[in-house]
Structure formats: C-alpha cells, structure tokens
C-alpha atoms as a PDB file:
ATOM      1  CA  MET A   1      14.673   5.794 -18.456  1.00  0.00           C
ATOM      2  CA  VAL A   2      14.267   3.254 -15.665  1.00  0.00           C
ATOM      3  CA  SER A   3      16.384   0.185 -16.437  1.00  0.00           C
ATOM      4  CA  VAL A   4      14.737  -3.147 -15.611  1.00  0.00           C
ATOM      5  CA  MET A   5      16.004  -6.737 -15.557  1.00  0.00           C
ATOM      6  CA  LEU A   6      13.584  -9.690 -15.604  1.00  0.00           C
ATOM      7  CA  VAL A   7      14.395 -13.035 -13.966  1.00  0.00           C
ATOM      8  CA  GLU A   8      11.694 -15.597 -14.766  1.00  0.00           C
ATOM      9  CA  ASP A   9      11.899 -19.268 -15.795  1.00  0.00           C
ATOM     10  CA  ASP A  10       8.274 -19.480 -16.960  1.00  0.00           C
ATOM     11  CA  PRO A  11       8.199 -18.203 -20.575  1.00  0.00           C
ATOM     12  CA  ALA A  12       4.495 -17.259 -20.404  1.00  0.00           C
ATOM     13  CA  MET A  13       4.918 -15.190 -17.240  1.00  0.00           C
ATOM     14  CA  GLY A  14       8.076 -13.685 -18.653  1.00  0.00           C
ATOM     15  CA  ARG A  15       6.142 -12.493 -21.705  1.00  0.00           C
ATOM     16  CA  VAL A  16       3.497 -10.882 -19.467  1.00  0.00           C
ATOM     17  CA  LEU A  17       6.123  -8.918 -17.553  1.00  0.00           C
ATOM     18  CA  GLU A  18       7.953  -8.042 -20.739  1.00  0.00           C
ATOM     19  CA  LYS A  19       4.790  -6.743 -22.396  1.00  0.00           C
ATOM     20  CA  VAL A  20       3.524  -4.679 -19.449  1.00  0.00           C
ATOM     21  CA  ILE A  21       6.874  -3.143 -18.483  1.00  0.00           C
ATOM     22  CA  GLY A  22       8.055  -2.779 -22.064  1.00  0.00           C
ATOM     23  CA  ASP A  23       4.971  -0.702 -22.894  1.00  0.00           C
ATOM     24  CA  LEU A  24       5.770   1.872 -20.194  1.00  0.00           C
ATOM     25  CA  PRO A  25       7.277   4.947 -21.872  1.00  0.00           C
ATOM     26  CA  TYR A  26       9.799   5.510 -19.067  1.00  0.00           C
ATOM     27  CA  ALA A  27      11.031   1.897 -18.695  1.00  0.00           C
ATOM     28  CA  GLN A  28      13.643  -0.072 -20.611  1.00  0.00           C
ATOM     29  CA  ILE A  29      14.142  -3.820 -20.217  1.00  0.00           C
ATOM     30  CA  VAL A  30      17.906  -4.279 -20.385  1.00  0.00           C
ATOM     31  CA  GLY A  31      18.175  -8.002 -19.661  1.00  0.00           C
ATOM     32  CA  ARG A  32      16.263 -11.262 -19.204  1.00  0.00           C
ATOM     33  CA  ALA A  33      17.465 -14.306 -17.274  1.00  0.00           C
ATOM     34  CA  ALA A  34      15.836 -17.715 -16.821  1.00  0.00           C
ATOM     35  CA  ASP A  35      17.826 -19.118 -13.870  1.00  0.00           C
ATOM     36  CA  GLY A  36      19.487 -17.916 -10.689  1.00  0.00           C
ATOM     37  CA  LEU A  37      23.077 -18.390 -11.819  1.00  0.00           C
ATOM     38  CA  GLU A  38      22.537 -16.453 -15.035  1.00  0.00           C
ATOM     39  CA  ALA A  39      20.728 -13.724 -13.070  1.00  0.00           C
ATOM     40  CA  GLY A  40      23.708 -13.066 -10.802  1.00  0.00           C
ATOM     41  CA  HIS A  41      26.123 -12.729 -13.719  1.00  0.00           C
ATOM     42  CA  MET A  42      23.704 -10.570 -15.677  1.00  0.00           C
ATOM     43  CA  PHE A  43      23.103  -8.185 -12.780  1.00  0.00           C
ATOM     44  CA  ARG A  44      26.811  -7.595 -12.258  1.00  0.00           C
ATOM     45  CA  ALA A  45      27.216  -6.825 -15.963  1.00  0.00           C
ATOM     46  CA  LEU A  46      24.153  -4.582 -16.410  1.00  0.00           C
ATOM     47  CA  ARG A  47      23.513  -2.977 -12.998  1.00  0.00           C
ATOM     48  CA  PRO A  48      19.796  -2.283 -13.642  1.00  0.00           C
ATOM     49  CA  GLN A  49      17.839  -0.039 -11.302  1.00  0.00           C
ATOM     50  CA  VAL A  50      14.993  -2.555 -10.924  1.00  0.00           C
ATOM     51  CA  VAL A  51      14.962  -6.363 -10.867  1.00  0.00           C
ATOM     52  CA  PHE A  52      11.739  -8.373 -11.189  1.00  0.00           C
ATOM     53  CA  LEU A  53      12.688 -11.694  -9.629  1.00  0.00           C
ATOM     54  CA  ASP A  54      10.970 -15.063  -9.412  1.00  0.00           C
ATOM     55  CA  ILE A  55      11.847 -17.141  -6.337  1.00  0.00           C
ATOM     56  CA  GLU A  56      11.806 -20.818  -7.313  1.00  0.00           C
ATOM     57  CA  LEU A  57      14.446 -20.758 -10.046  1.00  0.00           C
ATOM     58  CA  PRO A  58      16.883 -23.337 -11.469  1.00  0.00           C
ATOM     59  CA  GLY A  59      20.455 -23.021 -10.239  1.00  0.00           C
ATOM     60  CA  ARG A  60      19.908 -20.628  -7.313  1.00  0.00           C
ATOM     61  CA  SER A  61      16.782 -19.385  -5.560  1.00  0.00           C
ATOM     62  CA  GLY A  62      15.546 -15.870  -6.056  1.00  0.00           C
ATOM     63  CA  ILE A  63      16.180 -15.157  -2.368  1.00  0.00           C
ATOM     64  CA  GLU A  64      19.874 -16.032  -2.824  1.00  0.00           C
ATOM     65  CA  VAL A  65      20.057 -13.848  -5.917  1.00  0.00           C
ATOM     66  CA  ALA A  66      18.403 -10.983  -4.033  1.00  0.00           C
ATOM     67  CA  ARG A  67      21.008 -11.214  -1.257  1.00  0.00           C
ATOM     68  CA  GLU A  68      23.781 -11.012  -3.846  1.00  0.00           C
ATOM     69  CA  ILE A  69      22.141  -7.998  -5.502  1.00  0.00           C
ATOM     70  CA  PHE A  70      21.682  -6.236  -2.172  1.00  0.00           C
ATOM     71  CA  ASP A  71      25.311  -6.821  -1.175  1.00  0.00           C
ATOM     72  CA  ALA A  72      26.491  -5.353  -4.478  1.00  0.00           C
ATOM     73  CA  SER A  73      24.011  -2.468  -4.706  1.00  0.00           C
ATOM     74  CA  PRO A  74      21.640  -1.693  -1.797  1.00  0.00           C
ATOM     75  CA  TRP A  75      19.747   0.892  -3.868  1.00  0.00           C
ATOM     76  CA  THR A  76      18.489  -1.603  -6.445  1.00  0.00           C
ATOM     77  CA  TYR A  77      14.712  -2.041  -6.303  1.00  0.00           C
ATOM     78  CA  ILE A  78      13.911  -5.758  -5.998  1.00  0.00           C
ATOM     79  CA  VAL A  79      10.375  -6.806  -6.879  1.00  0.00           C
ATOM     80  CA  PHE A  80       9.615 -10.454  -6.225  1.00  0.00           C
ATOM     81  CA  ALA A  81       7.157 -11.994  -8.689  1.00  0.00           C
ATOM     82  CA  THR A  82       6.208 -15.504  -7.642  1.00  0.00           C
ATOM     83  CA  ALA A  83       3.367 -18.017  -7.475  1.00  0.00           C
ATOM     84  CA  PHE A  84       3.947 -18.603  -3.756  1.00  0.00           C
ATOM     85  CA  THR A  85       3.033 -16.539  -0.684  1.00  0.00           C
ATOM     86  CA  ARG A  86       5.182 -18.563   1.743  1.00  0.00           C
ATOM     87  CA  TYR A  87       8.392 -16.694   0.902  1.00  0.00           C
ATOM     88  CA  ARG A  88       7.030 -13.253   1.837  1.00  0.00           C
ATOM     89  CA  ASP A  89       8.953 -12.957   5.121  1.00  0.00           C
ATOM     90  CA  ASP A  90      12.191 -14.104   3.473  1.00  0.00           C
ATOM     91  CA  ALA A  91      11.638 -11.551   0.716  1.00  0.00           C
ATOM     92  CA  PHE A  92      11.311  -8.619   3.085  1.00  0.00           C
ATOM     93  CA  ASP A  93      14.355  -9.788   5.038  1.00  0.00           C
ATOM     94  CA  VAL A  94      16.335  -8.762   1.943  1.00  0.00           C
ATOM     95  CA  TYR A  95      14.486  -5.419   1.734  1.00  0.00           C
ATOM     96  CA  ALA A  96      12.278  -6.233  -1.231  1.00  0.00           C
ATOM     97  CA  PHE A  97      10.398  -3.249  -2.602  1.00  0.00           C
ATOM     98  CA  ASP A  98       7.315  -5.291  -3.450  1.00  0.00           C
ATOM     99  CA  TYR A  99       6.018  -8.860  -3.563  1.00  0.00           C
ATOM    100  CA  LEU A 100       3.709  -9.752  -6.446  1.00  0.00           C
ATOM    101  CA  VAL A 101       1.825 -13.052  -6.520  1.00  0.00           C
ATOM    102  CA  LYS A 102       0.973 -14.770  -9.794  1.00  0.00           C
ATOM    103  CA  PRO A 103      -1.262 -14.462 -11.727  1.00  0.00           C
ATOM    104  CA  PHE A 104      -0.241 -10.822 -11.901  1.00  0.00           C
ATOM    105  CA  LYS A 105      -2.694  -7.976 -12.196  1.00  0.00           C
ATOM    106  CA  ILE A 106      -1.446  -5.684 -14.923  1.00  0.00           C
ATOM    107  CA  THR A 107      -2.510  -2.607 -12.957  1.00  0.00           C
ATOM    108  CA  ARG A 108      -0.444  -3.752  -9.957  1.00  0.00           C
ATOM    109  CA  ILE A 109       2.710  -4.099 -12.059  1.00  0.00           C
ATOM    110  CA  ARG A 110       2.147  -0.614 -13.479  1.00  0.00           C
ATOM    111  CA  GLN A 111       1.525   0.819  -9.997  1.00  0.00           C
ATOM    112  CA  THR A 112       4.739  -0.721  -8.676  1.00  0.00           C
ATOM    113  CA  MET A 113       6.772   0.675 -11.560  1.00  0.00           C
ATOM    114  CA  GLU A 114       5.154   4.112 -11.173  1.00  0.00           C
ATOM    115  CA  ARG A 115       6.083   4.210  -7.471  1.00  0.00           C
ATOM    116  CA  ILE A 116       9.673   3.293  -8.324  1.00  0.00           C
ATOM    117  CA  LYS A 117       9.795   5.944 -11.036  1.00  0.00           C
ATOM    118  CA  GLN A 118       8.574   8.614  -8.607  1.00  0.00           C
ATOM    119  CA  LEU A 119      11.153   7.614  -6.009  1.00  0.00           C
ATOM    120  CA  LEU A 120      13.949   7.678  -8.572  1.00  0.00           C
ATOM    121  CA  GLU A 121      12.856  11.131  -9.702  1.00  0.00           C
ATOM    122  CA  GLY A 122      12.796  12.287  -6.086  1.00  0.00           C
ATOM    123  CA  ARG A 123      16.440  11.342  -5.669  1.00  0.00           C
ATOM    124  CA  VAL A 124      17.592  13.983  -8.112  1.00  0.00           C
ATOM    125  CA  ALA A 125      14.891  16.636  -7.713  1.00  0.00           C
ATOM    126  CA  GLY A 126      15.429  19.855  -5.808  1.00  0.00           C
ATOM    127  CA  GLU A 127      18.464  21.278  -4.061  1.00  0.00           C
ATOM    128  CA  ALA A 128      20.177  19.865  -1.000  1.00  0.00           C
ATOM    129  CA  ALA A 129      19.525  21.594   2.302  1.00  0.00           C
ATOM    130  CA  PRO A 130      22.402  23.357   4.097  1.00  0.00           C
ATOM    131  CA  VAL A 131      24.344  21.566   6.811  1.00  0.00           C
ATOM    132  CA  PRO A 132      22.969  22.357  10.289  1.00  0.00           C
ATOM    133  CA  GLN A 133      25.105  23.283  13.255  1.00  0.00           C
ATOM    134  CA  ALA A 134      26.053  20.078  15.049  1.00  0.00           C
ATOM    135  CA  ARG A 135      24.398  19.812  18.432  1.00  0.00           C
ATOM    136  CA  GLY A 136      26.753  18.851  21.206  1.00  0.00           C
ATOM    137  CA  GLY A 137      29.734  20.631  19.570  1.00  0.00           C
ATOM    138  CA  GLY A 138      33.262  19.371  19.908  1.00  0.00           C
ATOM    139  CA  ARG A 139      32.387  16.034  18.344  1.00  0.00           C
ATOM    140  CA  ASN A 140      34.042  16.890  15.026  1.00  0.00           C
ATOM    141  CA  ARG A 141      37.430  15.233  14.470  1.00  0.00           C
ATOM    142  CA  LYS A 142      39.852  14.508  11.670  1.00  0.00           C
ATOM    143  CA  LEU A 143      39.671  11.072  10.022  1.00  0.00           C
ATOM    144  CA  CYS A 144      41.969   9.406   7.497  1.00  0.00           C
ATOM    145  CA  PHE A 145      40.590   6.976   4.881  1.00  0.00           C
ATOM    146  CA  ARG A 146      42.582   4.912   2.414  1.00  0.00           C
ATOM    147  CA  ASP A 147      41.050   4.929  -1.054  1.00  0.00           C
ATOM    148  CA  GLY A 148      43.237   2.639  -3.176  1.00  0.00           C
ATOM    149  CA  ASP A 149      46.701   4.195  -3.108  1.00  0.00           C
ATOM    150  CA  THR A 150      45.373   7.571  -1.929  1.00  0.00           C
ATOM    151  CA  PHE A 151      44.882   8.650   1.686  1.00  0.00           C
ATOM    152  CA  VAL A 152      41.974  11.054   2.162  1.00  0.00           C
ATOM    153  CA  LEU A 153      41.706  13.346   5.183  1.00  0.00           C
ATOM    154  CA  ALA A 154      38.210  14.499   6.169  1.00  0.00           C
ATOM    155  CA  ASN A 155      36.458  15.995   9.151  1.00  0.00           C
ATOM    156  CA  SER A 156      33.849  13.691  10.628  1.00  0.00           C
ATOM    157  CA  ASP A 157      31.110  16.307  10.202  1.00  0.00           C
ATOM    158  CA  GLU A 158      31.726  16.233   6.414  1.00  0.00           C
ATOM    159  CA  ILE A 159      30.391  12.653   6.250  1.00  0.00           C
ATOM    160  CA  VAL A 160      26.806  12.552   5.012  1.00  0.00           C
ATOM    161  CA  PHE A 161      26.342   8.775   4.926  1.00  0.00           C
ATOM    162  CA  ALA A 162      28.094   5.533   4.099  1.00  0.00           C
ATOM    163  CA  THR A 163      26.955   2.436   2.264  1.00  0.00           C
ATOM    164  CA  ARG A 164      28.468  -0.772   0.919  1.00  0.00           C
ATOM    165  CA  GLU A 165      29.035  -1.730  -2.676  1.00  0.00           C
ATOM    166  CA  ASP A 166      30.953  -4.771  -3.888  1.00  0.00           C
ATOM    167  CA  ARG A 167      32.872  -5.439  -0.650  1.00  0.00           C
ATOM    168  CA  HIS A 168      33.763  -1.772  -0.199  1.00  0.00           C
ATOM    169  CA  CYS A 169      32.400   0.955   2.034  1.00  0.00           C
ATOM    170  CA  VAL A 170      31.488   3.998  -0.012  1.00  0.00           C
ATOM    171  CA  ILE A 171      31.649   7.095   2.186  1.00  0.00           C
ATOM    172  CA  HIS A 172      29.700  10.062   0.841  1.00  0.00           C
ATOM    173  CA  LEU A 173      31.217  13.357   1.934  1.00  0.00           C
ATOM    174  CA  ALA A 174      29.716  16.771   1.304  1.00  0.00           C
ATOM    175  CA  ASP A 175      31.824  17.224  -1.865  1.00  0.00           C
ATOM    176  CA  ARG A 176      33.093  13.769  -2.922  1.00  0.00           C
ATOM    177  CA  THR A 177      32.976  10.016  -2.294  1.00  0.00           C
ATOM    178  CA  VAL A 178      35.637   7.722  -0.870  1.00  0.00           C
ATOM    179  CA  ARG A 179      35.836   3.932  -1.375  1.00  0.00           C
ATOM    180  CA  VAL A 180      37.341   2.072   1.574  1.00  0.00           C
ATOM    181  CA  ARG A 181      38.083  -1.638   1.675  1.00  0.00           C
ATOM    182  CA  LYS A 182      36.426  -2.474   4.977  1.00  0.00           C
ATOM    183  CA  GLY A 183      33.003  -3.513   6.246  1.00  0.00           C
ATOM    184  CA  LEU A 184      30.268  -1.187   7.467  1.00  0.00           C
ATOM    185  CA  THR A 185      30.466  -2.690  10.954  1.00  0.00           C
ATOM    186  CA  SER A 186      34.159  -1.810  11.147  1.00  0.00           C
ATOM    187  CA  LEU A 187      33.465   1.708   9.876  1.00  0.00           C
ATOM    188  CA  GLU A 188      30.649   2.074  12.386  1.00  0.00           C
ATOM    189  CA  ARG A 189      33.116   1.364  15.201  1.00  0.00           C
ATOM    190  CA  ASP A 190      35.588   3.870  13.758  1.00  0.00           C
ATOM    191  CA  LEU A 191      32.935   6.596  13.623  1.00  0.00           C
ATOM    192  CA  GLY A 192      32.211   6.132  17.309  1.00  0.00           C
ATOM    193  CA  GLY A 193      28.479   6.680  17.733  1.00  0.00           C
ATOM    194  CA  TYR A 194      26.324   9.819  17.520  1.00  0.00           C
ATOM    195  CA  PRO A 195      25.676  11.489  15.157  1.00  0.00           C
ATOM    196  CA  PHE A 196      26.429   8.378  13.081  1.00  0.00           C
ATOM    197  CA  TYR A 197      23.620   5.845  13.115  1.00  0.00           C
ATOM    198  CA  ARG A 198      23.332   2.366  11.593  1.00  0.00           C
ATOM    199  CA  CYS A 199      19.874   2.813  10.124  1.00  0.00           C
ATOM    200  CA  HIS A 200      19.859  -0.249   7.872  1.00  0.00           C
ATOM    201  CA  LYS A 201      21.972  -3.291   7.127  1.00  0.00           C
ATOM    202  CA  GLY A 202      23.478  -1.434   4.183  1.00  0.00           C
ATOM    203  CA  PHE A 203      23.691   2.171   5.449  1.00  0.00           C
ATOM    204  CA  ILE A 204      25.111   4.451   8.153  1.00  0.00           C
ATOM    205  CA  ILE A 205      23.768   8.021   8.212  1.00  0.00           C
ATOM    206  CA  ASN A 206      24.814  11.243   9.878  1.00  0.00           C
ATOM    207  CA  LEU A 207      21.680  12.122  11.857  1.00  0.00           C
ATOM    208  CA  GLU A 208      22.642  15.804  11.870  1.00  0.00           C
ATOM    209  CA  MET A 209      22.041  15.813   8.112  1.00  0.00           C
ATOM    210  CA  ALA A 210      18.800  13.774   8.062  1.00  0.00           C
ATOM    211  CA  ARG A 211      15.723  15.744   6.998  1.00  0.00           C
ATOM    212  CA  GLU A 212      12.830  13.403   6.236  1.00  0.00           C
ATOM    213  CA  PHE A 213      11.908   9.711   6.077  1.00  0.00           C
ATOM    214  CA  VAL A 214       9.935   8.998   2.898  1.00  0.00           C
ATOM    215  CA  PRO A 215       8.075   5.663   2.449  1.00  0.00           C
ATOM    216  CA  SER A 216       9.767   3.340  -0.039  1.00  0.00           C
ATOM    217  CA  GLY A 217       8.406  -0.157  -0.470  1.00  0.00           C
ATOM    218  CA  CYS A 218       7.183  -2.277   2.419  1.00  0.00           C
ATOM    219  CA  ALA A 219       8.469  -1.334   5.893  1.00  0.00           C
ATOM    220  CA  THR A 220      11.382   0.600   4.351  1.00  0.00           C
ATOM    221  CA  TYR A 221      11.931   4.350   4.028  1.00  0.00           C
ATOM    222  CA  GLU A 222      14.315   6.610   2.148  1.00  0.00           C
ATOM    223  CA  VAL A 223      16.186   9.291   4.093  1.00  0.00           C
ATOM    224  CA  VAL A 224      16.245  12.789   2.616  1.00  0.00           C
ATOM    225  CA  MET A 225      19.687  14.135   3.538  1.00  0.00           C
ATOM    226  CA  ALA A 226      21.416  17.506   3.447  1.00  0.00           C
ATOM    227  CA  ASN A 227      24.243  17.989   0.932  1.00  0.00           C
ATOM    228  CA  THR A 228      23.244  15.134  -1.373  1.00  0.00           C
ATOM    229  CA  SER A 229      20.425  14.101  -3.672  1.00  0.00           C
ATOM    230  CA  ARG A 230      21.105  10.439  -2.881  1.00  0.00           C
ATOM    231  CA  ARG A 231      18.758   8.824  -0.400  1.00  0.00           C
ATOM    232  CA  PRO A 232      19.971   6.107   1.980  1.00  0.00           C
ATOM    233  CA  LEU A 233      17.485   3.489   3.185  1.00  0.00           C
ATOM    234  CA  ILE A 234      16.191   3.085   6.732  1.00  0.00           C
ATOM    235  CA  THR A 235      14.026   0.297   8.130  1.00  0.00           C
ATOM    236  CA  TRP A 236      10.711   0.950   9.835  1.00  0.00           C
ATOM    237  CA  GLU A 237      12.145  -0.368  13.115  1.00  0.00           C
ATOM    238  CA  LYS A 238      14.883   2.273  13.006  1.00  0.00           C
ATOM    239  CA  VAL A 239      12.392   5.026  12.120  1.00  0.00           C
ATOM    240  CA  ARG A 240      10.353   4.030  15.146  1.00  0.00           C
ATOM    241  CA  GLU A 241      13.465   3.997  17.322  1.00  0.00           C
ATOM    242  CA  ILE A 242      14.333   7.552  16.259  1.00  0.00           C
ATOM    243  CA  HIS A 243      10.738   8.669  16.768  1.00  0.00           C
ATOM    244  CA  GLU A 244      10.716   7.249  20.281  1.00  0.00           C
ATOM    245  CA  MET A 245      14.032   8.959  21.093  1.00  0.00           C
ATOM    246  CA  TRP A 246      13.178  12.375  19.632  1.00  0.00           C
ATOM    247  CA  GLY A 247       9.447  12.428  18.925  1.00  0.00           C
ATOM    248  CA  GLY A 248       7.961  10.959  22.064  1.00  0.00           C
ATOM    249  CA  GLY A 249       5.757   8.313  20.472  1.00  0.00           C
ATOM    250  CA  THR A 250       5.676   4.709  19.364  1.00  0.00           C
ATOM    251  CA  GLY A 251       4.138   4.979  15.923  1.00  0.00           C
ATOM    252  CA  ARG A 252       2.308   2.215  14.064  1.00  0.00           C
ATOM    253  CA  ARG A 253       4.126  -0.251  11.856  1.00  0.00           C
ATOM    254  CA  PRO A 254       3.050   0.016   8.217  1.00  0.00           C
ATOM    255  CA  GLY A 255       1.447  -3.120   6.764  1.00  0.00           C
ATOM    256  CA  ARG A 256       3.342  -5.391   4.420  1.00  0.00           C
END
C-alpha cells in the first residue's frame, strides 16, 4: 500500500482528495492535517510516502512544510495542491513531484498517484546489477565512519550513494548502511571527487554504479544504481551535465 498524508485547510477540497485517493485500491490515507504546524508534527510521526500539500496554510506555509519534509526524508513524494499558480517555481525548488491547481480534475489526481505507485514498485523490482570495474584504478581507499559508538571501516568503492535524513548522512554501502552525524557537503569533501558526484541537494552518488536516469516528477530523475534497489534523485541540470561530459550533447530540458 502507498501511504498518503493530506494537508488541506479547506474542508471541501480535503473531502475531494480523501474520496479520490481513498478509493484507489493501492493507497491508504494515514493522516490529515489542516495547518502547517500540525503537518510538520504529523509527518515526523507517520512518515508517509506521499504528501498532498496545500500552500497557503495557517501556521506555516506549505513551502516551509515541504522544506522540512525534504530535509527529513528526500524520497517523500510531495504533491502541491493549491488554488494559486504563482508558487510553482518555489514548489519545484523543493523538488515537488507534481503541482495541481484547484479545482482538481479527478483524472489528474489518479494519474499522479499511478505514476508514484509505478515508481515505488520500480524501486524494489528486479535484481541489482553487478559492480563494474572502476575506471582510473587506484582511486579506492579505506575510510572510517563513526556510526553512534561504532566505528565502521569501508573501502570507498563499496559506497553506492549517500543521502541525508534527520540531520544525519546515511551512507549506503554494498551490504549495509551507516549513519554519520555530519552534513552532505562535509561528506562530499571527505570523498574527494570522482567517482562521487553531488547529483542533487539531498544525494551523492557513485557514478561507477549508476545505470540509468528514470524520469520522476518535473525536472527530476531517479538513478538506477548497482547493488541496491533504492533510487537516489538527480536533477535535470545534473543529468544534462553528465550527458555533456560523457554523451556529447546538450539535451532538451523537460517541461514543468
């Protein structure tokens, strides 16, 4: 089941979302909030996979709530549902998956949820590809990470990707994860460049393990990686940068 939280201060619009999403056989509404302050507390308690979020809310704006959600869990799908078009740029600055304008079309809500469902299924489908031989050998080195009271030793070529969750870096190795109390920017400096690449505000990937970039939302892609079914995010600008470096083209930016 896809867990969904609704944040809407208009009872009528809230009922529309609740009816349409609640009728989907693969979706479960796990929480409903009517203001920005309540939404932040509820998200931390429930950790839903999808948040439908109004923007002009009592207490805190939906944009502020979205930033908090992204900082805590970059993989959460944020769908803005608002009566205003003027916040579109702000919404995509926090990597919104979609931006729906009231009055909603029921088919559009269903289409958005279906796309999210397919992406979530893709994260766990199939087997991970084997690790390739690192090009430019000799780059591998031993690293030491502190995870609470434990010190973890790992070779740099074991690192698949890193992300941030609740003020920690979570480093995904080929066979385990390590939580480090430091920022991604600090970790990026420690990793020392190629093959590690800051592909997104919330992710660093090992380019030697990247396989595909799959569209996910507006101007955002998911990275299919070796040795994991998890998919980090990458922005369109970073996809284009990689394509220009390795593919010899400029590409065309997808529309929002």
